Protein backbone atom coordinates (compact mmCIF):
# COMPACT_ATOMS: atom_id res chain seq x y z
CA MET A 1 -18.38 66.16 232.47
CA ASP A 2 -17.92 66.03 229.18
CA ASN A 3 -14.44 63.60 228.07
CA ASN A 4 -12.23 66.48 227.02
CA ALA A 5 -13.03 68.24 230.57
CA THR A 6 -12.28 64.71 232.14
CA LYS A 7 -9.20 64.70 230.52
CA ARG A 8 -7.87 68.23 231.97
CA SER A 9 -8.96 67.34 235.02
CA TRP A 10 -7.15 64.04 235.59
CA PHE A 11 -3.87 65.76 233.94
CA ARG A 12 -4.46 68.76 236.51
CA GLU A 13 -4.18 65.88 239.33
CA HIS A 14 -1.01 64.67 237.59
CA ARG A 15 0.44 67.88 236.79
CA ASP A 16 3.08 67.50 239.38
CA TYR A 17 4.41 64.01 238.09
CA PHE A 18 4.43 65.08 234.59
CA VAL A 19 6.82 68.31 235.46
CA THR A 20 9.33 65.92 236.96
CA ARG A 21 9.01 63.82 234.09
CA VAL A 22 10.27 66.98 232.06
CA VAL A 23 13.01 67.34 234.19
CA GLN A 24 14.12 63.70 234.19
CA ASP A 25 14.06 63.85 230.54
CA PHE A 26 15.92 67.15 230.38
CA LEU A 27 18.59 65.78 232.46
CA LYS A 28 18.87 62.39 230.47
CA THR A 29 19.11 64.72 227.16
CA GLY A 30 21.83 66.42 228.58
CA ASP A 31 23.81 62.73 229.12
CA VAL A 32 23.34 61.92 225.57
CA LEU A 33 24.59 65.56 224.46
CA LYS A 34 27.26 65.13 226.34
CA ASP A 35 28.35 61.76 224.74
CA LEU A 36 27.35 63.24 221.22
CA GLU A 37 29.73 66.11 221.85
CA LEU A 38 32.83 63.53 222.82
CA ALA A 39 31.99 61.54 219.78
CA TYR A 40 31.89 64.69 217.41
CA LYS A 41 35.04 66.56 218.99
CA LYS A 42 37.06 62.86 218.49
CA LYS A 43 35.47 62.72 215.23
CA ARG A 44 33.76 59.35 215.43
CA PRO A 45 30.40 58.74 214.25
CA ILE A 46 27.79 60.27 216.01
CA TYR A 47 24.75 59.00 214.07
CA ALA A 48 24.03 56.36 216.94
CA HIS A 49 24.12 58.67 219.35
CA LEU A 50 21.75 60.94 217.48
CA HIS A 51 19.57 58.07 217.31
CA GLU A 52 19.29 57.91 220.58
CA LEU A 53 18.63 61.60 220.79
CA VAL A 54 15.68 61.75 218.84
CA GLY A 55 14.82 57.87 218.16
CA GLU A 56 11.92 57.68 215.02
CA PRO A 57 8.12 57.78 215.42
CA GLN A 58 7.83 54.22 216.45
CA GLU A 59 10.17 54.60 219.24
CA LYS A 60 10.87 58.03 220.44
CA GLY A 61 14.08 59.26 221.65
CA VAL A 62 14.69 61.33 224.98
CA LEU A 63 14.65 64.48 223.45
CA TRP A 64 11.45 63.89 221.38
CA ARG A 65 9.74 62.57 224.08
CA LEU A 66 10.77 65.89 226.12
CA LYS A 67 9.25 68.02 223.46
CA ASP A 68 6.21 66.03 223.47
CA ARG A 69 6.01 66.63 227.05
CA CYS A 70 6.91 70.37 226.96
CA HIS A 71 4.32 70.99 224.71
CA GLN A 72 1.32 68.50 226.42
CA ILE A 73 2.17 70.87 229.86
CA TRP A 74 3.01 74.25 228.19
CA ARG A 75 2.10 74.95 224.63
CA ASN A 76 -0.95 76.10 225.41
CA GLU A 77 -0.42 78.42 227.89
CA GLY A 78 0.74 80.98 225.56
CA MET A 79 3.31 84.18 225.60
CA GLY A 80 0.92 86.26 227.73
CA LYS A 81 0.82 83.85 230.67
CA GLU A 82 4.42 82.66 231.09
CA ALA A 83 7.23 83.98 229.54
CA GLU A 84 9.72 81.25 230.98
CA SER A 85 7.56 78.34 230.13
CA PHE A 86 7.01 79.44 226.43
CA PHE A 87 10.85 79.96 225.73
CA PHE A 88 11.33 76.74 227.43
CA ASP A 89 8.83 74.81 225.06
CA TRP A 90 10.09 76.69 222.28
CA MET A 91 13.90 76.41 222.70
CA ILE A 92 13.42 72.46 223.01
CA GLY A 93 11.25 72.14 219.89
CA ALA A 94 13.72 73.77 218.46
CA MET A 95 16.52 71.71 219.67
CA PHE A 96 14.52 68.84 218.36
CA HIS A 97 14.04 70.20 214.71
CA GLU A 98 17.77 70.84 215.27
CA ALA A 99 18.71 67.32 215.90
CA MET A 100 16.43 65.86 213.62
CA LYS A 101 18.59 67.81 210.63
CA LEU A 102 21.82 66.84 212.54
CA LYS A 103 20.73 63.11 212.06
CA GLU A 104 20.26 62.95 208.51
CA ASN A 105 22.98 64.95 208.00
CA SER A 106 25.58 62.68 209.81
CA TYR A 107 23.59 59.43 208.30
CA MET A 108 24.90 61.24 204.89
CA LEU A 109 28.01 61.29 205.59
CA GLU A 110 28.59 58.31 207.60
CA ARG A 111 27.09 56.33 204.45
CA TYR A 112 28.64 58.38 201.46
CA ALA A 113 32.03 59.32 202.79
CA PRO A 114 33.76 56.18 202.81
CA SER A 115 33.43 56.15 198.74
CA TYR A 116 33.40 59.88 198.53
CA GLU A 117 36.96 60.04 197.22
CA ILE A 118 36.66 56.93 194.97
CA ALA A 119 33.74 58.24 193.13
CA LEU A 120 34.97 61.77 192.84
CA ARG A 121 37.85 60.25 190.53
CA GLU A 122 35.36 58.87 188.38
CA LEU A 123 33.92 62.20 187.54
CA ILE A 124 35.29 63.30 183.91
CA ASP A 125 33.73 66.34 183.74
CA GLU A 126 35.51 69.33 186.44
CA GLU A 127 32.64 71.25 186.93
CA GLU A 128 30.42 68.10 188.49
CA SER A 129 33.26 67.28 190.41
CA GLU A 130 33.81 70.78 192.25
CA ASN A 131 29.86 70.84 192.87
CA CYS A 132 29.98 67.46 194.36
CA ARG A 133 32.89 68.51 196.85
CA ARG A 134 31.00 72.12 197.38
CA PHE A 135 28.02 69.90 198.49
CA PHE A 136 30.24 67.84 200.67
CA ARG A 137 31.61 70.97 202.26
CA GLU A 138 28.49 72.63 202.76
CA THR A 139 27.07 69.35 204.58
CA VAL A 140 30.10 69.49 207.18
CA ARG A 141 29.34 73.21 207.46
CA ASP A 142 26.03 72.31 208.19
CA MET A 143 26.75 69.85 210.98
CA ALA A 144 29.09 72.23 212.73
CA ARG A 145 26.73 75.08 212.64
CA GLY A 146 23.68 72.32 213.77
CA MET A 147 26.28 71.21 216.62
CA GLU A 148 26.89 74.79 217.87
CA ARG A 149 23.24 75.71 217.93
CA ILE A 150 21.85 72.37 220.14
CA LYS A 151 24.54 73.17 222.91
CA CYS A 152 23.55 77.03 222.56
CA LEU A 153 19.88 75.88 222.90
CA PHE A 154 20.59 73.60 225.67
CA ARG A 155 22.27 76.16 227.44
CA ASN A 156 19.57 78.52 227.49
CA ALA A 157 17.03 76.05 227.65
CA ALA A 158 18.63 75.11 231.21
CA ALA A 159 18.56 78.56 232.44
CA ARG A 160 14.61 78.82 231.63
CA LEU A 161 14.06 75.50 233.12
CA ARG A 162 15.69 76.66 236.63
CA HIS A 163 13.41 79.28 236.89
CA LEU A 164 10.19 76.48 235.88
CA VAL A 165 11.63 74.72 239.04
CA ARG A 166 11.89 77.28 241.13
CA GLN A 167 7.80 77.94 240.42
CA GLU A 168 7.36 74.42 241.00
CA LYS A 169 9.11 73.87 244.43
CA GLY A 170 6.18 72.70 246.23
CA ASN A 171 6.35 69.95 244.40
CA GLY A 172 7.38 66.70 246.17
CA ILE A 173 8.24 64.40 243.64
CA LEU A 174 9.99 67.09 241.57
CA ILE A 175 12.44 67.96 244.56
CA ARG A 176 12.67 64.05 245.09
CA LEU A 177 14.25 63.71 241.51
CA LEU A 178 16.41 66.65 242.04
CA LEU A 179 17.98 65.14 245.24
CA GLU A 180 18.15 61.64 243.92
CA GLU A 181 19.86 62.78 240.80
CA SER A 182 22.16 65.69 242.31
CA ASP A 183 25.03 64.94 240.04
CA GLN A 184 23.20 65.66 237.14
CA VAL A 185 21.54 68.56 238.42
CA GLU A 186 24.22 69.80 239.78
CA GLU A 187 26.11 69.58 235.75
CA TYR A 188 23.20 70.84 233.75
CA LEU A 189 20.82 73.38 236.05
CA SER A 190 23.27 75.07 238.23
CA GLY A 191 23.65 78.71 237.20
CA ASP A 192 25.73 81.74 237.97
CA ASP A 193 23.71 82.24 241.18
CA GLY A 194 24.84 78.73 242.40
CA PRO A 195 23.74 75.55 242.65
CA LEU A 196 20.05 74.95 242.36
CA LEU A 197 18.75 73.40 245.38
CA ILE A 198 20.54 76.22 247.25
CA TRP A 199 18.76 78.86 244.91
CA LEU A 200 15.64 76.98 245.34
CA PHE A 201 15.83 77.29 249.33
CA PRO A 202 17.65 80.05 250.29
CA ASP A 203 16.57 79.37 254.06
CA GLY A 204 18.18 76.11 253.42
CA VAL A 205 18.75 72.93 252.19
CA HIS A 206 17.21 71.35 254.87
CA ASN A 207 13.68 72.20 253.50
CA ALA A 208 14.25 70.61 250.00
CA PHE A 209 14.86 67.22 252.53
CA LEU A 210 12.06 68.39 254.25
CA VAL A 211 9.53 68.56 251.14
CA ALA A 212 11.00 65.49 249.86
CA GLY A 213 10.47 63.64 253.31
CA GLU A 214 6.79 64.57 253.03
CA SER A 215 6.08 63.58 249.67
CA TYR A 216 7.72 59.98 250.16
CA LEU A 217 5.81 59.98 253.36
CA GLU A 218 2.40 60.65 251.76
CA GLY A 219 3.30 58.10 249.00
CA GLY A 220 3.82 55.51 251.44
CA TRP A 221 7.85 55.40 250.60
CA TYR A 222 8.55 54.97 254.21
CA ALA A 223 12.51 53.78 254.22
CA GLU A 224 13.07 57.13 251.98
CA ALA A 225 11.22 59.39 253.76
CA ARG A 226 13.03 58.21 256.64
CA LEU A 227 16.55 58.95 255.11
CA ALA A 228 14.99 62.47 254.05
CA PHE A 229 14.19 63.57 257.32
CA GLU A 230 17.27 62.46 258.83
CA GLU A 231 19.02 64.07 256.54
CA ALA A 232 17.02 67.38 257.02
CA LEU A 233 17.85 66.81 260.85
CA ARG A 234 21.76 66.58 260.22
CA ILE A 235 22.03 69.72 258.41
CA ARG A 236 19.69 71.54 261.04
CA PRO A 237 19.46 69.69 264.16
CA ASP A 238 16.88 71.36 265.72
CA CYS A 239 14.39 71.33 262.83
CA ARG A 240 10.87 70.68 264.28
CA GLU A 241 9.07 69.78 261.21
CA ALA A 242 11.88 67.21 260.57
CA GLN A 243 11.25 65.64 264.13
CA ASN A 244 7.43 65.50 263.74
CA GLY A 245 7.85 63.87 260.03
CA LEU A 246 9.86 61.33 261.68
CA SER A 247 7.23 60.74 265.13
CA ILE A 248 4.34 60.44 261.98
CA LEU A 249 6.41 57.80 260.52
CA GLU A 250 6.83 56.02 263.89
CA LYS A 251 2.92 56.09 264.15
CA ARG A 252 2.60 54.74 260.80
CA LEU A 253 4.63 51.80 260.82
CA LYS A 254 3.41 50.49 264.16
CA ASP A 255 0.16 50.79 262.32
CA MET A 256 1.28 48.88 259.50
CA ALA A 257 3.04 46.53 262.18
CA LEU A 258 -0.49 46.03 263.42
CA TYR A 259 -2.93 46.13 260.69
CA GLY A 260 -0.61 44.31 258.12
CA PRO A 261 0.56 45.14 254.22
CA ALA A 262 -3.02 45.94 253.56
CA TYR A 263 -2.27 48.98 255.55
CA LEU A 264 0.79 50.07 253.11
CA ILE A 265 -1.27 49.28 250.11
CA HIS A 266 -4.19 51.16 251.21
CA GLU A 267 -1.88 54.46 252.06
CA ARG A 268 -0.27 54.35 248.58
CA GLY A 269 -3.55 53.84 246.72
CA LEU A 270 -4.81 56.89 248.71
CA ASN A 271 -2.09 59.04 248.42
CA GLY A 272 -1.37 58.35 244.86
CA GLY A 273 2.35 57.45 245.85
CA ASN A 274 4.40 57.71 242.84
CA SER A 275 7.97 56.97 243.42
CA THR A 276 10.76 58.87 241.23
CA HIS A 277 11.76 55.09 240.66
CA ASP A 278 9.02 54.54 239.12
CA LEU A 279 9.77 57.43 236.38
CA VAL A 280 10.61 54.93 233.64
CA ARG A 281 9.70 55.52 229.68
């Protein structure tokens, strides 16, 4: 098997993890954008927020990392294969480029605005003075347009992401993230048809906890698995799958007590037990 084929095979094996990272970065982007919008409305400096959003080549910001991961997963799928992924990838890329322009404009204003009026008074030529005023006004207008465009792109990207998540609802790592970050999910990924998890699991949200519980169990995260199965039973007391999950969990815990900590390490190694707690930069 050649090197490219090996990489593709490895990526397919870990695709669930990378998709989950995309959703996690999207939620983090929403938090940064919320802080950015608040600072802009209150006429506070926004360069630091934009730097956190996009960063720089040596230390990429959350939106830059999101853009790269979207390209990695969906860029080669093309328009003909899946419209939702095509437009989500495109919108994230457009948001990134808009944020880069906004960052440069905010730097120009925050760097030069304090001395702007003083410098204008030093210009003798009225025509030159008016040109400088026009350039300054255009930069301010560009920033206003950029802020509005980023907000619009984020809203539309969120709508596309909802549909992509629906296609991935068998991804246990992703469902775990959606449950663990439920406040952010509610804020950024709810739609006209209701909260995301209710939309994803119309037969009952207990199914989300089942998927999460099974994923935790496979990964050897037994405390988290127990909580997920118990929550499924709280929502649906007669849920046989959750009862079975708890039975399997109890058996594994007995085996672990019998064979020691090496059993837990062995289980996690066999199942590639990524935890959403490990989803860091």
